[in-house]
N, C-alpha and C. Protein backbone atom coordinates (compact mmCIF):
# COMPACT_ATOMS: atom_id res chain seq x y z
N PRO A 1 26.53 36.83 52.49
CA PRO A 1 25.31 37.79 53.08
C PRO A 1 23.93 36.87 52.83
N LYS A 2 22.58 37.28 53.21
CA LYS A 2 21.44 35.99 53.39
C LYS A 2 20.06 36.92 53.26
N PRO A 3 20.39 37.93 51.72
CA PRO A 3 18.40 38.90 51.89
C PRO A 3 17.81 38.17 51.89
N LEU A 4 17.17 38.27 53.00
CA LEU A 4 15.61 38.24 53.51
C LEU A 4 14.76 38.72 53.30
N ILE A 5 13.26 38.97 53.02
CA ILE A 5 12.61 39.39 52.94
C ILE A 5 10.76 39.55 53.68
N SER A 6 10.45 40.52 54.40
CA SER A 6 9.12 39.89 55.83
C SER A 6 8.19 39.10 54.63
N THR A 7 7.30 38.22 55.60
CA THR A 7 6.10 37.32 54.94
C THR A 7 5.72 38.43 54.27
N GLY A 8 4.78 39.67 54.60
CA GLY A 8 4.19 39.97 54.21
C GLY A 8 4.25 40.77 52.45
N ALA A 9 5.75 41.17 52.68
CA ALA A 9 6.47 41.36 51.38
C ALA A 9 6.00 40.31 50.52
N SER A 10 7.09 39.06 50.82
CA SER A 10 6.73 37.80 50.27
C SER A 10 5.38 37.46 49.33
N ILE A 11 3.92 37.61 50.25
CA ILE A 11 3.03 36.99 49.76
C ILE A 11 2.32 38.40 48.92
N ALA A 12 2.80 39.36 49.10
CA ALA A 12 2.78 40.57 47.71
C ALA A 12 3.89 40.21 46.96
N PHE A 13 4.17 39.92 46.68
CA PHE A 13 5.22 39.84 46.00
C PHE A 13 5.17 38.49 44.74
N ALA A 14 4.50 37.90 45.52
CA ALA A 14 3.87 36.41 44.84
C ALA A 14 2.94 36.88 44.10
N ASN A 15 1.97 37.42 44.82
CA ASN A 15 0.40 37.75 44.27
C ASN A 15 0.89 38.63 42.86
N LEU A 16 1.75 39.83 42.93
CA LEU A 16 2.36 41.04 42.02
C LEU A 16 2.82 39.55 40.84
N LEU A 17 3.51 38.90 41.08
CA LEU A 17 3.97 37.99 39.62
C LEU A 17 3.18 37.41 39.21
N PHE A 18 1.90 37.10 39.81
CA PHE A 18 0.82 36.23 38.92
C PHE A 18 0.01 37.69 38.39
N MET A 19 0.20 38.66 38.23
CA MET A 19 -0.83 39.38 37.41
C MET A 19 -0.32 39.37 36.22
N THR A 20 -1.82 39.46 35.37
CA THR A 20 -1.16 39.36 33.30
C THR A 20 -1.83 40.64 33.45
N ASP A 21 -1.46 40.71 31.75
CA ASP A 21 -1.15 41.66 30.93
C ASP A 21 -3.36 41.50 30.76
N THR A 22 -4.33 42.56 30.97
CA THR A 22 -5.87 42.05 30.69
C THR A 22 -5.88 43.06 29.20
N LEU A 23 -4.64 43.65 28.32
CA LEU A 23 -5.55 44.41 27.31
C LEU A 23 -4.94 43.66 25.85
N GLY A 24 -4.63 42.24 26.13
CA GLY A 24 -4.43 41.60 25.01
C GLY A 24 -3.49 40.52 25.10
N SER A 25 -2.25 40.71 25.41
CA SER A 25 -1.08 39.49 25.27
C SER A 25 -1.65 38.48 26.42
N ASN A 26 -2.21 38.92 27.27
CA ASN A 26 -2.32 37.85 28.75
C ASN A 26 -1.16 37.16 29.17
N GLN A 27 -0.09 37.86 28.72
CA GLN A 27 1.34 37.74 29.85
C GLN A 27 1.63 37.94 31.45
N PHE A 28 2.18 36.89 31.95
CA PHE A 28 2.39 37.60 33.37
C PHE A 28 3.79 38.66 33.21
N ILE A 29 3.46 39.48 34.53
CA ILE A 29 4.35 40.56 34.46
C ILE A 29 5.24 41.26 34.01
N THR A 30 6.04 40.01 34.63
CA THR A 30 7.23 39.85 33.89
C THR A 30 7.90 39.39 32.47
N ASP A 31 6.81 38.73 32.05
CA ASP A 31 7.38 38.21 30.76
C ASP A 31 6.83 39.41 29.68
N PHE A 32 5.64 40.54 30.27
CA PHE A 32 5.27 41.38 29.52
C PHE A 32 6.23 42.66 29.76
N LEU A 33 6.77 42.76 30.73
CA LEU A 33 7.99 43.69 30.81
C LEU A 33 9.41 43.27 29.89
N LEU A 34 9.44 42.17 30.37
CA LEU A 34 10.61 41.91 29.10
C LEU A 34 10.60 42.06 27.75
N ALA A 35 9.13 41.66 27.27
CA ALA A 35 8.97 41.62 25.55
C ALA A 35 8.87 43.25 25.23
N ASN A 36 8.39 44.11 26.27
CA ASN A 36 8.10 45.45 26.03
C ASN A 36 8.54 46.95 26.35
N ALA A 37 9.61 46.81 27.19
CA ALA A 37 10.27 47.54 28.37
C ALA A 37 12.00 47.06 27.54
N VAL A 38 12.25 45.98 27.84
CA VAL A 38 13.51 45.33 27.80
C VAL A 38 13.66 45.35 25.92
N GLY A 39 13.21 44.73 25.65
CA GLY A 39 12.89 44.41 23.78
C GLY A 39 12.78 45.57 23.26
N ASN A 40 12.24 46.90 23.56
CA ASN A 40 12.24 47.64 22.88
C ASN A 40 13.17 49.14 23.11
N GLY A 41 13.68 48.56 24.58
CA GLY A 41 14.80 49.56 24.69
C GLY A 41 13.75 50.78 25.82
N LYS A 42 13.04 50.57 25.88
CA LYS A 42 12.46 51.32 26.32
C LYS A 42 12.95 51.55 27.86
N GLN A 43 12.68 52.65 28.61
CA GLN A 43 12.89 53.17 29.62
C GLN A 43 11.72 52.27 30.87
N LEU A 44 12.04 51.74 31.98
CA LEU A 44 11.66 51.57 33.08
C LEU A 44 11.22 51.68 34.12
N MET A 45 10.30 52.42 34.67
CA MET A 45 10.55 52.89 36.11
C MET A 45 9.47 52.10 36.55
N ILE A 46 10.04 51.41 37.88
CA ILE A 46 9.14 51.14 38.95
C ILE A 46 9.28 51.93 40.62
N THR A 47 7.89 52.03 40.48
CA THR A 47 7.96 53.16 41.38
C THR A 47 6.14 52.56 42.44
N GLY A 48 6.38 53.25 43.84
CA GLY A 48 4.64 53.41 44.77
C GLY A 48 5.44 54.00 45.73
N HIS A 49 4.06 54.08 46.49
CA HIS A 49 3.84 54.66 47.59
C HIS A 49 3.00 54.07 48.73
N SER A 50 4.38 54.43 50.06
CA SER A 50 3.61 53.06 51.15
C SER A 50 4.24 51.95 51.25
N LEU A 51 2.83 51.08 50.90
CA LEU A 51 2.81 49.70 50.80
C LEU A 51 3.63 49.21 49.27
N GLY A 52 3.01 49.87 48.64
CA GLY A 52 3.44 50.38 47.40
C GLY A 52 4.68 50.06 47.10
N GLY A 53 5.32 50.98 47.73
CA GLY A 53 6.76 51.41 47.44
C GLY A 53 7.51 49.59 47.96
N ASN A 54 7.52 49.05 48.92
CA ASN A 54 7.66 48.32 49.56
C ASN A 54 7.91 47.23 48.52
N ILE A 55 6.92 46.68 47.90
CA ILE A 55 6.61 45.84 46.76
C ILE A 55 7.91 46.38 45.80
N ALA A 56 7.48 47.36 45.35
CA ALA A 56 8.47 48.35 44.31
C ALA A 56 9.94 47.90 44.58
N SER A 57 10.26 47.40 45.83
CA SER A 57 11.83 47.79 46.02
C SER A 57 11.94 45.79 46.12
N VAL A 58 10.89 45.29 46.22
CA VAL A 58 11.08 43.57 46.10
C VAL A 58 10.99 43.73 44.69
N PHE A 59 10.26 44.07 43.87
CA PHE A 59 9.82 43.30 42.82
C PHE A 59 10.90 44.05 41.58
N ALA A 60 11.52 45.10 42.06
CA ALA A 60 12.96 45.87 40.95
C ALA A 60 14.31 45.07 41.38
N SER A 61 14.22 44.40 42.80
CA SER A 61 15.44 43.43 42.52
C SER A 61 15.30 42.54 41.97
N TYR A 62 13.89 41.79 41.85
CA TYR A 62 13.60 40.24 41.41
C TYR A 62 14.15 40.82 39.95
N TYR A 63 13.33 41.90 39.55
CA TYR A 63 13.63 42.17 38.13
C TYR A 63 15.03 42.21 37.47
N VAL A 64 16.04 43.18 38.26
CA VAL A 64 17.09 43.42 37.61
C VAL A 64 18.18 42.02 37.85
N GLU A 65 17.32 41.44 38.94
CA GLU A 65 18.53 39.88 38.56
C GLU A 65 18.09 38.62 37.29
N ILE A 66 16.48 39.01 37.26
CA ILE A 66 16.44 38.27 36.02
C ILE A 66 16.76 38.64 34.61
N LEU A 67 16.86 40.32 34.75
CA LEU A 67 17.80 40.75 33.64
C LEU A 67 19.34 40.47 33.40
N LYS A 68 19.96 40.28 34.68
CA LYS A 68 21.45 40.06 34.58
C LYS A 68 21.48 38.49 34.23
N LYS A 69 20.74 37.86 34.82
CA LYS A 69 20.46 36.24 34.22
C LYS A 69 20.52 36.02 32.95
N LYS A 70 19.76 36.95 32.02
CA LYS A 70 19.36 36.83 30.53
C LYS A 70 20.72 37.51 30.00
N GLY A 71 21.77 38.21 30.73
CA GLY A 71 22.77 39.17 29.95
C GLY A 71 21.99 40.19 29.55
N GLN A 72 20.89 40.39 30.31
CA GLN A 72 20.14 42.05 29.15
C GLN A 72 21.03 43.26 30.19
N SER A 73 21.45 44.54 29.48
CA SER A 73 21.65 45.78 30.39
C SER A 73 20.52 45.60 31.43
N THR A 74 20.53 46.37 32.62
CA THR A 74 19.74 46.92 33.58
C THR A 74 19.68 48.49 33.32
N SER A 75 20.37 48.95 32.58
CA SER A 75 20.87 50.87 32.56
C SER A 75 19.39 51.23 32.40
N ASN A 76 17.99 50.55 31.28
CA ASN A 76 17.38 51.13 31.65
C ASN A 76 16.35 51.20 32.84
N VAL A 77 16.16 50.37 33.77
CA VAL A 77 15.80 50.12 35.00
C VAL A 77 15.57 51.56 35.79
N SER A 78 14.97 51.54 36.14
CA SER A 78 14.92 52.81 37.73
C SER A 78 13.62 52.56 38.55
N LEU A 79 14.21 52.72 39.82
CA LEU A 79 13.36 52.51 40.72
C LEU A 79 13.21 53.91 42.06
N PHE A 80 11.76 54.06 42.11
CA PHE A 80 11.31 55.34 43.40
C PHE A 80 10.55 54.87 44.08
N THR A 81 11.12 55.43 45.52
CA THR A 81 9.42 54.90 46.59
C THR A 81 9.58 55.78 47.02
N PHE A 82 8.53 55.76 47.43
CA PHE A 82 7.30 57.18 48.54
C PHE A 82 7.17 56.61 50.25
N ALA A 83 7.47 56.75 51.12
CA ALA A 83 6.82 56.50 52.42
C ALA A 83 6.88 55.03 52.43
N ALA A 84 7.75 54.31 52.21
CA ALA A 84 7.79 52.97 52.00
C ALA A 84 8.68 52.38 52.97
N PRO A 85 7.55 51.36 53.83
CA PRO A 85 8.31 50.62 54.72
C PRO A 85 9.57 49.69 54.58
N ALA A 86 10.34 49.40 55.37
CA ALA A 86 11.61 48.42 55.08
C ALA A 86 11.25 47.21 54.27
N ALA A 87 11.63 46.61 53.48
CA ALA A 87 11.02 45.22 52.88
C ALA A 87 11.95 44.14 53.28
N GLY A 88 13.16 44.58 53.80
CA GLY A 88 13.89 43.41 54.04
C GLY A 88 14.77 43.63 55.33
N ASN A 89 15.58 42.87 55.36
CA ASN A 89 16.88 42.96 56.11
C ASN A 89 17.93 43.69 56.00
N ALA A 90 19.39 43.74 56.21
CA ALA A 90 20.06 44.25 55.46
C ALA A 90 21.16 44.24 54.64
N ASP A 91 20.84 42.66 54.15
CA ASP A 91 21.63 42.13 53.69
C ASP A 91 20.77 42.22 52.45
N PHE A 92 19.37 42.30 52.23
CA PHE A 92 18.36 43.01 51.35
C PHE A 92 18.50 44.33 50.58
N ALA A 93 19.29 45.10 51.77
CA ALA A 93 18.94 46.80 51.09
C ALA A 93 20.49 46.99 50.54
N THR A 94 21.62 46.18 51.58
CA THR A 94 22.55 46.04 50.42
C THR A 94 22.89 45.54 48.96
N ASP A 95 21.84 44.58 48.89
CA ASP A 95 22.06 43.83 47.69
C ASP A 95 21.42 44.62 46.80
N LEU A 96 20.49 45.13 46.80
CA LEU A 96 19.65 46.33 46.29
C LEU A 96 20.19 47.63 45.93
N ASP A 97 21.29 48.33 46.72
CA ASP A 97 21.67 49.29 46.49
C ASP A 97 22.87 48.87 45.47
N ALA A 98 23.89 47.68 45.68
CA ALA A 98 24.77 47.22 44.89
C ALA A 98 24.07 47.11 43.41
N LYS A 99 22.67 46.47 43.17
CA LYS A 99 22.85 46.25 41.52
C LYS A 99 21.74 46.67 40.70
N LEU A 100 21.40 47.91 41.84
CA LEU A 100 20.36 49.38 41.15
C LEU A 100 20.96 50.27 41.80
N PRO A 101 21.82 51.28 41.26
CA PRO A 101 22.32 52.04 41.93
C PRO A 101 21.49 53.27 41.29
N THR A 102 20.54 53.24 40.01
CA THR A 102 19.58 54.52 39.74
C THR A 102 17.87 53.88 40.62
N ALA A 103 18.33 54.31 41.69
CA ALA A 103 17.23 54.30 42.85
C ALA A 103 17.12 55.59 43.44
N TRP A 104 15.68 55.71 44.15
CA TRP A 104 15.59 57.07 45.00
C TRP A 104 14.69 56.71 45.84
N HIS A 105 14.92 57.01 47.00
CA HIS A 105 14.35 57.14 47.66
C HIS A 105 13.41 58.57 48.91
N TYR A 106 12.21 58.15 49.12
CA TYR A 106 11.96 59.50 49.56
C TYR A 106 11.14 59.54 51.08
N GLU A 107 11.61 60.07 52.16
CA GLU A 107 11.01 59.93 52.97
C GLU A 107 10.69 61.17 53.68
N ASN A 108 9.66 61.32 54.59
CA ASN A 108 8.92 62.58 55.19
C ASN A 108 9.53 62.05 56.30
N VAL A 109 10.45 63.37 57.71
CA VAL A 109 10.46 62.91 58.40
C VAL A 109 9.82 62.84 59.66
N ASN A 110 8.27 63.42 59.52
CA ASN A 110 7.09 63.32 60.36
C ASN A 110 6.04 61.63 59.99
N ASP A 111 6.43 61.21 58.87
CA ASP A 111 5.88 60.14 58.41
C ASP A 111 5.82 58.71 58.97
N LEU A 112 5.40 58.16 59.78
CA LEU A 112 5.90 56.85 60.90
C LEU A 112 6.21 56.00 59.77
N VAL A 113 5.16 55.52 58.69
CA VAL A 113 5.10 54.34 57.77
C VAL A 113 6.80 53.92 57.46
N PRO A 114 7.52 55.04 56.67
CA PRO A 114 8.65 54.46 56.29
C PRO A 114 9.63 54.34 57.14
N LYS A 115 9.40 54.16 58.47
CA LYS A 115 10.30 54.59 59.79
C LYS A 115 9.70 52.25 60.53
N PHE A 116 9.09 52.11 59.93
CA PHE A 116 8.35 50.64 60.33
C PHE A 116 9.48 49.65 59.45
N PRO A 117 9.67 48.46 59.54
CA PRO A 117 9.75 47.62 60.94
C PRO A 117 11.37 47.75 61.48
N VAL A 118 11.98 48.97 60.91
CA VAL A 118 12.97 48.98 61.21
C VAL A 118 13.62 49.75 62.64
N PHE A 119 14.50 49.32 63.62
CA PHE A 119 14.57 49.36 64.90
C PHE A 119 14.77 50.81 65.82
N ALA A 120 15.59 51.64 64.72
CA ALA A 120 15.71 52.63 64.78
C ALA A 120 14.65 53.71 64.61
N GLY A 121 14.04 53.13 63.47
CA GLY A 121 12.98 54.01 63.28
C GLY A 121 11.54 54.32 64.22
N LEU A 122 11.54 52.70 64.69
CA LEU A 122 10.46 52.85 65.40
C LEU A 122 10.76 53.91 66.92
N VAL A 123 12.03 53.49 67.58
CA VAL A 123 12.29 54.31 68.66
C VAL A 123 12.50 55.61 68.16
N ILE A 124 12.71 56.53 67.17
CA ILE A 124 12.14 57.81 66.55
C ILE A 124 10.57 58.19 66.94
N THR A 125 9.94 57.01 66.30
CA THR A 125 8.31 57.13 66.27
C THR A 125 8.07 57.37 67.63
N SER A 126 8.82 56.91 68.62
CA SER A 126 8.47 56.75 69.85
C SER A 126 8.44 58.34 70.19
N LEU A 127 9.10 58.93 69.66
CA LEU A 127 9.23 60.20 70.26
C LEU A 127 8.28 61.19 69.53
N MET A 128 7.54 61.05 68.66
CA MET A 128 6.47 61.86 67.72
C MET A 128 5.32 61.76 68.22
N TYR A 129 4.56 62.99 68.32
CA TYR A 129 5.24 64.19 67.34
C TYR A 129 5.26 65.51 68.35
N ILE A 130 6.85 65.58 69.11
CA ILE A 130 6.41 66.57 69.91
C ILE A 130 6.75 68.02 69.61
N PRO A 131 6.44 68.95 69.76
CA PRO A 131 5.49 68.88 71.41
C PRO A 131 4.16 68.36 71.42
N GLN A 132 3.57 68.46 70.64
CA GLN A 132 2.28 67.50 70.40
C GLN A 132 1.37 67.65 69.60
N PRO A 133 0.85 66.25 68.99
CA PRO A 133 0.82 65.41 70.08
C PRO A 133 1.74 64.66 70.26
N SER A 134 2.12 64.09 71.27
CA SER A 134 3.01 63.34 71.65
C SER A 134 3.24 62.04 72.26
N ALA A 135 3.80 61.16 71.78
CA ALA A 135 3.29 59.46 72.38
C ALA A 135 4.13 59.39 73.82
N SER A 136 4.38 60.33 74.13
CA SER A 136 5.43 60.38 75.57
C SER A 136 3.98 60.91 76.22
N ASP A 137 3.22 61.27 76.00
CA ASP A 137 1.91 62.21 76.87
C ASP A 137 0.65 61.28 76.48
N ILE A 138 0.73 60.14 75.42
CA ILE A 138 -0.82 59.71 75.27
C ILE A 138 -0.65 58.01 75.67
N TYR A 139 -1.40 57.93 76.64
CA TYR A 139 -1.22 56.99 77.17
C TYR A 139 -2.26 55.63 76.52
N LEU A 140 -2.03 54.01 76.79
CA LEU A 140 -2.73 53.01 76.35
C LEU A 140 -3.27 52.11 77.36
N SER A 141 -4.37 51.41 77.26
CA SER A 141 -4.98 50.91 78.78
C SER A 141 -5.35 49.57 78.12
N TYR A 142 -4.75 48.31 78.80
CA TYR A 142 -5.34 47.18 79.01
C TYR A 142 -5.74 46.46 79.46
N LYS A 143 -6.59 46.30 79.77
CA LYS A 143 -7.32 45.43 81.41
C LYS A 143 -7.28 46.39 82.32
N ASP A 144 -5.73 45.44 83.41
CA ASP A 144 -5.24 46.40 84.46
C ASP A 144 -4.33 47.28 84.25
N SER A 145 -3.75 47.58 83.03
CA SER A 145 -2.29 47.68 82.44
C SER A 145 -2.25 49.15 82.01
N LYS A 146 -1.51 50.06 82.07
CA LYS A 146 -1.19 51.22 81.37
C LYS A 146 -0.32 51.45 81.01
N MET A 147 0.05 51.97 79.83
CA MET A 147 1.73 52.33 79.44
C MET A 147 1.42 53.32 78.38
N SER A 148 2.67 54.29 78.02
CA SER A 148 3.03 55.33 77.08
C SER A 148 2.52 54.87 76.03
N MET A 149 1.84 55.87 74.64
CA MET A 149 2.74 54.89 73.39
C MET A 149 4.13 55.20 72.58
N ARG A 150 4.71 55.71 73.52
CA ARG A 150 6.05 55.77 73.40
C ARG A 150 6.80 53.95 73.98
N GLU A 151 6.33 53.92 75.39
CA GLU A 151 6.83 52.64 75.57
C GLU A 151 6.49 51.47 74.74
N ALA A 152 5.03 51.66 74.29
CA ALA A 152 4.68 50.82 73.18
C ALA A 152 5.14 50.71 72.28
N PHE A 153 5.85 51.48 71.37
CA PHE A 153 6.62 51.71 70.09
C PHE A 153 8.20 51.24 71.16
N LEU A 154 8.60 51.39 71.70
CA LEU A 154 9.90 50.80 72.11
C LEU A 154 9.72 49.34 72.65
N ILE A 155 8.90 49.04 72.79
CA ILE A 155 8.58 47.58 73.01
C ILE A 155 8.51 46.88 71.66
N LEU A 156 7.96 47.18 70.93
CA LEU A 156 8.22 47.10 69.70
C LEU A 156 9.59 46.90 68.69
N ALA A 157 9.89 47.97 69.17
CA ALA A 157 11.10 48.02 68.52
C ALA A 157 12.26 46.86 68.85
N GLY A 158 12.08 46.77 70.45
CA GLY A 158 13.00 45.33 70.93
C GLY A 158 12.42 44.00 70.46
N ALA A 159 11.59 44.02 70.16
CA ALA A 159 10.44 42.88 69.60
C ALA A 159 11.10 42.39 68.27
N LEU A 160 11.47 43.49 67.60
CA LEU A 160 11.77 43.61 65.79
C LEU A 160 12.85 43.48 65.84
N LEU A 161 14.18 43.86 66.44
CA LEU A 161 15.39 44.28 66.92
C LEU A 161 16.22 43.20 66.19
N GLN A 162 16.26 42.08 66.53
CA GLN A 162 16.83 40.55 65.84
C GLN A 162 16.43 40.52 64.26
N GLN A 163 15.45 41.31 64.03
CA GLN A 163 14.93 40.96 62.54
C GLN A 163 16.03 41.68 61.74
N GLY A 164 16.25 43.08 61.93
CA GLY A 164 17.98 43.34 61.43
C GLY A 164 16.90 44.26 59.83
N TYR A 165 15.78 44.72 60.26
CA TYR A 165 14.93 45.31 58.78
C TYR A 165 15.75 46.78 58.71
N GLN A 166 16.33 46.63 57.32
CA GLN A 166 16.89 47.90 56.89
C GLN A 166 16.45 48.89 55.57
N GLN A 167 16.14 50.39 55.41
CA GLN A 167 15.73 50.95 54.62
C GLN A 167 17.35 50.45 53.71
N PRO A 168 17.61 50.78 52.05
CA PRO A 168 18.20 51.00 51.34
C PRO A 168 18.87 52.23 51.60
N SER A 169 19.79 52.40 50.93
CA SER A 169 20.78 53.58 51.24
C SER A 169 21.05 54.65 50.13
N ASN A 170 21.22 53.95 48.58
CA ASN A 170 20.83 54.77 47.66
C ASN A 170 20.25 56.18 47.27
N ASN A 171 20.47 57.03 46.93
CA ASN A 171 19.74 58.60 47.21
C ASN A 171 18.67 58.29 48.03
N TYR A 172 18.97 58.14 49.43
CA TYR A 172 17.63 58.30 50.30
C TYR A 172 17.56 59.80 51.13
N THR A 173 16.49 60.05 50.35
CA THR A 173 16.18 61.44 51.32
C THR A 173 15.20 61.80 51.62
N VAL A 174 15.66 62.26 53.09
CA VAL A 174 14.77 62.68 54.40
C VAL A 174 14.34 63.97 54.20
N PHE A 175 12.88 64.62 54.19
CA PHE A 175 12.49 65.75 54.25
C PHE A 175 11.58 66.54 55.33
N ASN A 176 11.27 67.04 55.66
CA ASN A 176 10.39 67.85 56.56
C ASN A 176 9.19 68.51 56.38
N THR A 177 7.66 67.82 56.66
CA THR A 177 6.90 68.46 56.13
C THR A 177 6.15 68.95 57.41
N ALA A 178 6.05 70.43 57.74
CA ALA A 178 5.28 71.18 58.82
C ALA A 178 4.10 70.33 59.77
N LEU A 179 4.30 70.22 61.10
CA LEU A 179 2.85 69.44 61.50
C LEU A 179 1.75 70.48 61.08
N TYR A 180 0.49 69.58 61.09
CA TYR A 180 -0.72 70.05 60.78
C TYR A 180 -1.49 70.45 62.02
N SER A 181 -2.02 71.91 62.26
CA SER A 181 -2.10 72.34 63.04
C SER A 181 -3.52 71.63 63.56
N GLU A 182 -4.23 71.20 62.74
CA GLU A 182 -5.51 70.48 63.59
C GLU A 182 -5.72 69.27 64.02
N TYR A 183 -4.26 68.83 63.94
CA TYR A 183 -3.80 67.39 65.23
C TYR A 183 -2.99 68.04 66.33
N GLU A 184 -3.11 68.68 67.08
CA GLU A 184 -2.07 69.03 67.96
C GLU A 184 -2.64 68.22 69.73
N ASP A 185 -3.89 68.16 69.52
CA ASP A 185 -4.48 67.54 71.22
C ASP A 185 -3.21 66.53 71.27
N ASN A 186 -3.22 66.45 72.58
CA ASN A 186 -2.59 64.84 73.37
C ASN A 186 -3.69 63.65 73.60
N THR A 187 -4.41 63.16 72.27
CA THR A 187 -4.80 62.31 72.28
C THR A 187 -4.95 60.93 71.47
N LEU A 188 -5.05 60.01 71.16
CA LEU A 188 -4.78 58.88 70.40
C LEU A 188 -5.61 59.00 68.66
N ALA A 189 -6.94 59.77 69.09
CA ALA A 189 -7.26 60.08 67.48
C ALA A 189 -6.50 61.20 66.78
N GLU A 190 -5.92 62.30 67.81
CA GLU A 190 -5.52 63.22 67.20
C GLU A 190 -3.88 63.05 66.72
N TRP A 191 -3.15 62.40 67.37
CA TRP A 191 -1.68 61.63 67.18
C TRP A 191 -1.83 60.71 65.82
N PHE A 192 -3.12 59.75 65.46
CA PHE A 192 -2.91 59.39 63.98
C PHE A 192 -3.34 60.27 62.68
N GLY A 193 -4.40 61.14 63.69
CA GLY A 193 -4.57 62.08 62.64
C GLY A 193 -3.27 62.71 62.21
N GLN A 194 -2.73 62.97 62.59
CA GLN A 194 -1.17 63.95 62.59
C GLN A 194 -0.27 62.60 61.54
N ALA A 195 -0.54 61.47 62.03
CA ALA A 195 0.16 60.59 61.60
C ALA A 195 -0.51 60.16 60.12
N GLY A 196 -1.58 60.25 59.42
CA GLY A 196 -2.50 60.12 58.57
C GLY A 196 -1.99 61.06 57.27
N SER A 197 -2.08 62.49 58.29
CA SER A 197 -1.79 63.43 57.14
C SER A 197 -0.26 63.63 57.01
N GLN A 198 0.45 63.46 57.67
CA GLN A 198 1.93 63.12 57.43
C GLN A 198 2.33 62.31 56.21
N HIS A 199 1.39 60.88 56.55
CA HIS A 199 1.80 59.77 55.43
C HIS A 199 1.17 60.36 53.62
N GLN A 200 0.47 61.02 53.45
CA GLN A 200 -0.32 61.60 52.42
C GLN A 200 0.69 61.71 51.33
N ILE A 201 0.55 61.38 49.92
CA ILE A 201 1.36 61.83 48.87
C ILE A 201 1.48 62.61 48.53
N ILE A 202 0.46 63.57 48.92
CA ILE A 202 0.91 65.15 48.53
C ILE A 202 1.57 65.71 49.16
N ASN A 203 2.56 64.93 50.15
CA ASN A 203 3.23 65.91 51.14
C ASN A 203 4.37 65.31 50.16
N TYR A 204 4.33 64.39 49.66
CA TYR A 204 5.73 64.30 48.66
C TYR A 204 5.81 65.20 47.30
N ALA A 205 4.48 64.68 46.74
CA ALA A 205 4.90 65.42 45.83
C ALA A 205 5.23 66.75 46.07
N THR A 206 4.71 67.83 47.18
CA THR A 206 4.68 69.05 46.90
C THR A 206 6.24 69.30 47.01
N TYR A 207 6.80 68.47 47.95
CA TYR A 207 8.55 68.35 48.06
C TYR A 207 9.24 68.15 47.08
N LEU A 208 8.46 67.50 45.38
CA LEU A 208 9.38 67.21 44.53
C LEU A 208 8.56 68.39 43.45
N GLY A 209 7.67 68.69 43.87
CA GLY A 209 7.77 70.18 42.81
C GLY A 209 6.11 69.91 42.15
N VAL A 210 5.57 68.36 42.17
CA VAL A 210 4.39 67.56 41.18
C VAL A 210 3.03 68.33 41.70
N LYS A 211 2.63 68.56 40.67
CA LYS A 211 0.95 68.76 40.81
C LYS A 211 0.13 67.58 40.50
N LEU A 212 -0.71 67.01 41.90
CA LEU A 212 -1.09 66.13 41.55
C LEU A 212 -2.98 66.16 41.33
N PRO A 213 -3.23 64.79 40.38
CA PRO A 213 -4.54 65.01 39.97
C PRO A 213 -5.24 64.83 41.27
N ALA A 214 -6.50 65.85 41.28
CA ALA A 214 -7.00 65.75 42.30
C ALA A 214 -7.51 64.57 42.97
N SER A 215 -8.18 63.27 42.46
CA SER A 215 -8.69 62.15 43.15
C SER A 215 -7.10 61.15 44.25
N LEU A 216 -6.08 62.09 43.61
CA LEU A 216 -4.86 61.60 44.25
C LEU A 216 -4.36 62.44 45.10
N ALA A 217 -4.90 63.50 45.76
CA ALA A 217 -4.03 64.83 46.39
C ALA A 217 -4.52 64.31 48.07
N MET A 218 -5.05 63.84 48.41
CA MET A 218 -5.61 63.15 49.57
C MET A 218 -5.60 61.93 49.80
N GLN A 219 -5.41 60.77 50.36
CA GLN A 219 -5.72 59.75 51.15
C GLN A 219 -6.53 59.71 52.45
N PRO A 220 -7.48 58.17 52.44
CA PRO A 220 -7.98 58.23 53.55
C PRO A 220 -7.15 57.28 54.41
N LEU A 221 -7.49 57.94 56.13
CA LEU A 221 -6.61 57.83 56.94
C LEU A 221 -6.51 55.66 57.07
N ALA A 222 -7.29 55.46 56.60
CA ALA A 222 -7.47 53.67 56.39
C ALA A 222 -6.10 53.38 55.97
N GLU A 223 -5.65 54.12 55.28
CA GLU A 223 -4.14 53.86 54.85
C GLU A 223 -3.21 53.47 55.22
N LEU A 224 -3.10 53.75 56.99
CA LEU A 224 -2.40 53.96 57.71
C LEU A 224 -2.55 52.05 58.93
N ALA A 225 -3.69 51.17 58.06
CA ALA A 225 -4.29 50.05 58.78
C ALA A 225 -2.82 48.87 58.17
């Protein structure tokens, strides 16, 4: 087995490792957690939404490995991701599942972000959002070429097939959020308006019965960029 993660996930993970505690200890994040979570027997929940969930998976994998090498229990560590794009290949997903059974992942079936960059997920994305706005009925133009969004997603899926990206399996929950009625026209703007609305963290909180603070209830569509 050869667990691999994407270049983007690797860069973000490296940046995360060099984060320091600004409240006094000035420790790097891993050292801080080893001293204040494991050392005190506290529960540690690693979590994130969207790209935050992607990085949460990578860090959780790394942190659990550190605990194992130190002979420490991993029973107080859990992982929760929401709308997270896949961080790595099938071997990475399998390895994460094996060493961290206390992991839960949530995907809104109408959210395109957690479908990236998985081949099967991109094929599904090419069919969103039937009946409308539908990728099959929205066309993109470049110079003298024209193709539907569905064709564009299928080309992208084919390009990523050999990379073998895969989501983890442990407690992976897929749920449905109804399409937003304000985005129903077959235009590029409406399609991405629907995509942005489906990606909002409030959809995940609603599914889980959690009330969010007003500052977190809505997200800008730029989150999809």
